């Protein structure tokens, strides 16, 4: 039973890290688009 808890915790960490990385990439993309639109 403990093995399942460890696997679930590992999956949760991977999902969290992936979400954080993608969130930063999406945020920088939005910032670039915003700068491109406001500079014209």
PDB file of N, CA and C in Angstrom:
ATOM      1  N   UNK A   1       0.828  -1.204   0.000  1.00  0.00           N
ATOM      2  CA  UNK A   1       0.000   0.000   0.000  1.00  0.00           C
ATOM      3  C   UNK A   1       0.865   1.258   0.000  1.00  0.00           C
ATOM      4  N   UNK A   2       1.989   1.211   0.696  1.00  0.00           N
ATOM      5  CA  UNK A   2       2.887   2.362   0.742  1.00  0.00           C
ATOM      6  C   UNK A   2       3.465   2.668  -0.636  1.00  0.00           C
ATOM      7  N   UNK A   3       3.682   1.613  -1.434  1.00  0.00           N
ATOM      8  CA  UNK A   3       4.239   1.817  -2.774  1.00  0.00           C
ATOM      9  C   UNK A   3       3.305   2.687  -3.607  1.00  0.00           C
ATOM     10  N   UNK A   4       2.003   2.452  -3.486  1.00  0.00           N
ATOM     11  CA  UNK A   4       1.041   3.251  -4.256  1.00  0.00           C
ATOM     12  C   UNK A   4       1.080   4.715  -3.844  1.00  0.00           C
ATOM     13  N   UNK A   5       1.246   4.952  -2.555  1.00  0.00           N
ATOM     14  CA  UNK A   5       1.325   6.335  -2.072  1.00  0.00           C
ATOM     15  C   UNK A   5       2.582   7.018  -2.608  1.00  0.00           C
ATOM     16  N   UNK A   6       3.693   6.304  -2.657  1.00  0.00           N
ATOM     17  CA  UNK A   6       4.933   6.879  -3.188  1.00  0.00           C
ATOM     18  C   UNK A   6       4.818   7.163  -4.678  1.00  0.00           C
ATOM     19  N   UNK A   7       4.201   6.247  -5.418  1.00  0.00           N
ATOM     20  CA  UNK A   7       4.015   6.456  -6.856  1.00  0.00           C
ATOM     21  C   UNK A   7       3.097   7.645  -7.093  1.00  0.00           C
ATOM     22  N   UNK A   8       2.025   7.741  -6.335  1.00  0.00           N
ATOM     23  CA  UNK A   8       1.096   8.856  -6.477  1.00  0.00           C
ATOM     24  C   UNK A   8       1.787  10.178  -6.151  1.00  0.00           C
ATOM     25  N   UNK A   9       2.610  10.193  -5.125  1.00  0.00           N
ATOM     26  CA  UNK A   9       3.343  11.411  -4.769  1.00  0.00           C
ATOM     27  C   UNK A   9       4.326  11.787  -5.878  1.00  0.00           C
ATOM     28  N   UNK A  10       5.002  10.827  -6.457  1.00  0.00           N
ATOM     29  CA  UNK A  10       5.951  11.105  -7.534  1.00  0.00           C
ATOM     30  C   UNK A  10       5.231  11.663  -8.756  1.00  0.00           C
ATOM     31  N   UNK A  11       4.085  11.094  -9.102  1.00  0.00           N
ATOM     32  CA  UNK A  11       3.309  11.592 -10.234  1.00  0.00           C
ATOM     33  C   UNK A  11       2.837  13.010  -9.959  1.00  0.00           C
ATOM     34  N   UNK A  12       2.409  13.286  -8.738  1.00  0.00           N
ATOM     35  CA  UNK A  12       1.948  14.629  -8.390  1.00  0.00           C
ATOM     36  C   UNK A  12       3.075  15.641  -8.532  1.00  0.00           C
ATOM     37  N   UNK A  13       4.283  15.284  -8.119  1.00  0.00           N
ATOM     38  CA  UNK A  13       5.426  16.189  -8.241  1.00  0.00           C
ATOM     39  C   UNK A  13       5.727  16.457  -9.714  1.00  0.00           C
ATOM     40  N   UNK A  14       5.710  15.423 -10.540  1.00  0.00           N
ATOM     41  CA  UNK A  14       5.985  15.591 -11.968  1.00  0.00           C
ATOM     42  C   UNK A  14       4.938  16.492 -12.612  1.00  0.00           C
ATOM     43  N   UNK A  15       3.669  16.275 -12.279  1.00  0.00           N
ATOM     44  CA  UNK A  15       2.607  17.108 -12.843  1.00  0.00           C
ATOM     45  C   UNK A  15       2.768  18.551 -12.392  1.00  0.00           C
ATOM     46  N   UNK A  16       3.101  18.754 -11.135  1.00  0.00           N
ATOM     47  CA  UNK A  16       3.265  20.114 -10.616  1.00  0.00           C
ATOM     48  C   UNK A  16       4.419  20.833 -11.315  1.00  0.00           C
ATOM     49  N   UNK A  17       5.554  20.161 -11.448  1.00  0.00           N
ATOM     50  CA  UNK A  17       6.721  20.775 -12.099  1.00  0.00           C
ATOM     51  C   UNK A  17       6.396  21.081 -13.556  1.00  0.00           C
ATOM     52  N   UNK A  18       5.742  20.172 -14.245  1.00  0.00           N
ATOM     53  CA  UNK A  18       5.366  20.399 -15.640  1.00  0.00           C
ATOM     54  C   UNK A  18       4.440  21.593 -15.756  1.00  0.00           C
ATOM     55  N   UNK A  19       3.473  21.692 -14.847  1.00  0.00           N
ATOM     56  CA  UNK A  19       2.545  22.818 -14.870  1.00  0.00           C
ATOM     57  C   UNK A  19       3.274  24.138 -14.630  1.00  0.00           C
ATOM     58  N   UNK A  20       4.208  24.148 -13.692  1.00  0.00           N
ATOM     59  CA  UNK A  20       4.962  25.369 -13.409  1.00  0.00           C
ATOM     60  C   UNK A  20       5.783  25.794 -14.621  1.00  0.00           C
ATOM     61  N   UNK A  21       6.450  24.855 -15.261  1.00  0.00           N
ATOM     62  CA  UNK A  21       7.284  25.184 -16.428  1.00  0.00           C
ATOM     63  C   UNK A  21       6.417  25.685 -17.570  1.00  0.00           C
ATOM     64  N   UNK A  22       5.322  25.009 -17.837  1.00  0.00           N
ATOM     65  CA  UNK A  22       4.442  25.437 -18.924  1.00  0.00           C
ATOM     66  C   UNK A  22       3.806  26.781 -18.611  1.00  0.00           C
ATOM     67  N   UNK A  23       3.475  27.014 -17.366  1.00  0.00           N
ATOM     68  CA  UNK A  23       2.883  28.280 -16.964  1.00  0.00           C
ATOM     69  C   UNK A  23       3.829  29.442 -17.215  1.00  0.00           C
ATOM     70  N   UNK A  24       5.106  29.247 -16.932  1.00  0.00           N
ATOM     71  CA  UNK A  24       6.094  30.295 -17.176  1.00  0.00           C
ATOM     72  C   UNK A  24       6.250  30.537 -18.666  1.00  0.00           C
ATOM     73  N   UNK A  25       6.245  29.483 -19.461  1.00  0.00           N
ATOM     74  CA  UNK A  25       6.376  29.643 -20.907  1.00  0.00           C
ATOM     75  C   UNK A  25       5.179  30.369 -21.484  1.00  0.00           C
ATOM     76  N   UNK A  26       3.996  30.034 -21.017  1.00  0.00           N
ATOM     77  CA  UNK A  26       2.793  30.693 -21.496  1.00  0.00           C
ATOM     78  C   UNK A  26       2.805  32.160 -21.079  1.00  0.00           C
ATOM     79  N   UNK A  27       3.238  32.442 -19.867  1.00  0.00           N
ATOM     80  CA  UNK A  27       3.312  33.823 -19.395  1.00  0.00           C
ATOM     81  C   UNK A  27       4.275  34.657 -20.211  1.00  0.00           C
ATOM     82  N   UNK A  28       5.426  34.102 -20.549  1.00  0.00           N
ATOM     83  CA  UNK A  28       6.390  34.858 -21.355  1.00  0.00           C
ATOM     84  C   UNK A  28       5.875  35.059 -22.768  1.00  0.00           C
ATOM     85  N   UNK A  29       5.161  34.078 -23.292  1.00  0.00           N
ATOM     86  CA  UNK A  29       4.579  34.224 -24.627  1.00  0.00           C
ATOM     87  C   UNK A  29       3.542  35.331 -24.645  1.00  0.00           C
ATOM     88  N   UNK A  30       2.695  35.378 -23.627  1.00  0.00           N
ATOM     89  CA  UNK A  30       1.685  36.436 -23.533  1.00  0.00           C
ATOM     90  C   UNK A  30       2.359  37.798 -23.412  1.00  0.00           C
ATOM     91  N   UNK A  31       3.414  37.882 -22.636  1.00  0.00           N
ATOM     92  CA  UNK A  31       4.132  39.152 -22.498  1.00  0.00           C
ATOM     93  C   UNK A  31       4.722  39.611 -23.822  1.00  0.00           C
ATOM     94  N   UNK A  32       5.283  38.676 -24.581  1.00  0.00           N
ATOM     95  CA  UNK A  32       5.852  39.053 -25.881  1.00  0.00           C
ATOM     96  C   UNK A  32       4.779  39.545 -26.844  1.00  0.00           C
ATOM     97  N   UNK A  33       3.637  38.861 -26.864  1.00  0.00           N
ATOM     98  CA  UNK A  33       2.537  39.288 -27.737  1.00  0.00           C
ATOM     99  C   UNK A  33       2.042  40.663 -27.298  1.00  0.00           C
ATOM    100  N   UNK A  34       1.924  40.871 -26.001  1.00  0.00           N
ATOM    101  CA  UNK A  34       1.453  42.158 -25.486  1.00  0.00           C
ATOM    102  C   UNK A  34       2.415  43.278 -25.877  1.00  0.00           C
ATOM    103  N   UNK A  35       3.716  43.040 -25.760  1.00  0.00           N
ATOM    104  CA  UNK A  35       4.703  44.050 -26.131  1.00  0.00           C
ATOM    105  C   UNK A  35       4.638  44.338 -27.632  1.00  0.00           C
ATOM    106  N   UNK A  36       4.442  43.295 -28.419  1.00  0.00           N
ATOM    107  CA  UNK A  36       4.376  43.477 -29.873  1.00  0.00           C
ATOM    108  C   UNK A  36       3.143  44.290 -30.254  1.00  0.00           C
ATOM    109  N   UNK A  37       2.040  44.086 -29.563  1.00  0.00           N
ATOM    110  CA  UNK A  37       0.818  44.809 -29.891  1.00  0.00           C
ATOM    111  C   UNK A  37       0.885  46.255 -29.416  1.00  0.00           C
ATOM    112  N   UNK A  38       1.495  46.485 -28.270  1.00  0.00           N
ATOM    113  CA  UNK A  38       1.519  47.855 -27.731  1.00  0.00           C
ATOM    114  C   UNK A  38       2.604  48.708 -28.379  1.00  0.00           C
ATOM    115  N   UNK A  39       3.583  48.097 -29.037  1.00  0.00           N
ATOM    116  CA  UNK A  39       4.659  48.866 -29.644  1.00  0.00           C
ATOM    117  C   UNK A  39       4.264  49.462 -30.990  1.00  0.00           C
ATOM    118  N   UNK A  40       3.171  48.993 -31.579  1.00  0.00           N
ATOM    119  CA  UNK A  40       2.757  49.496 -32.891  1.00  0.00           C
ATOM    120  C   UNK A  40       1.844  50.693 -32.772  1.00  0.00           C
TER     121      UNK A  40
END
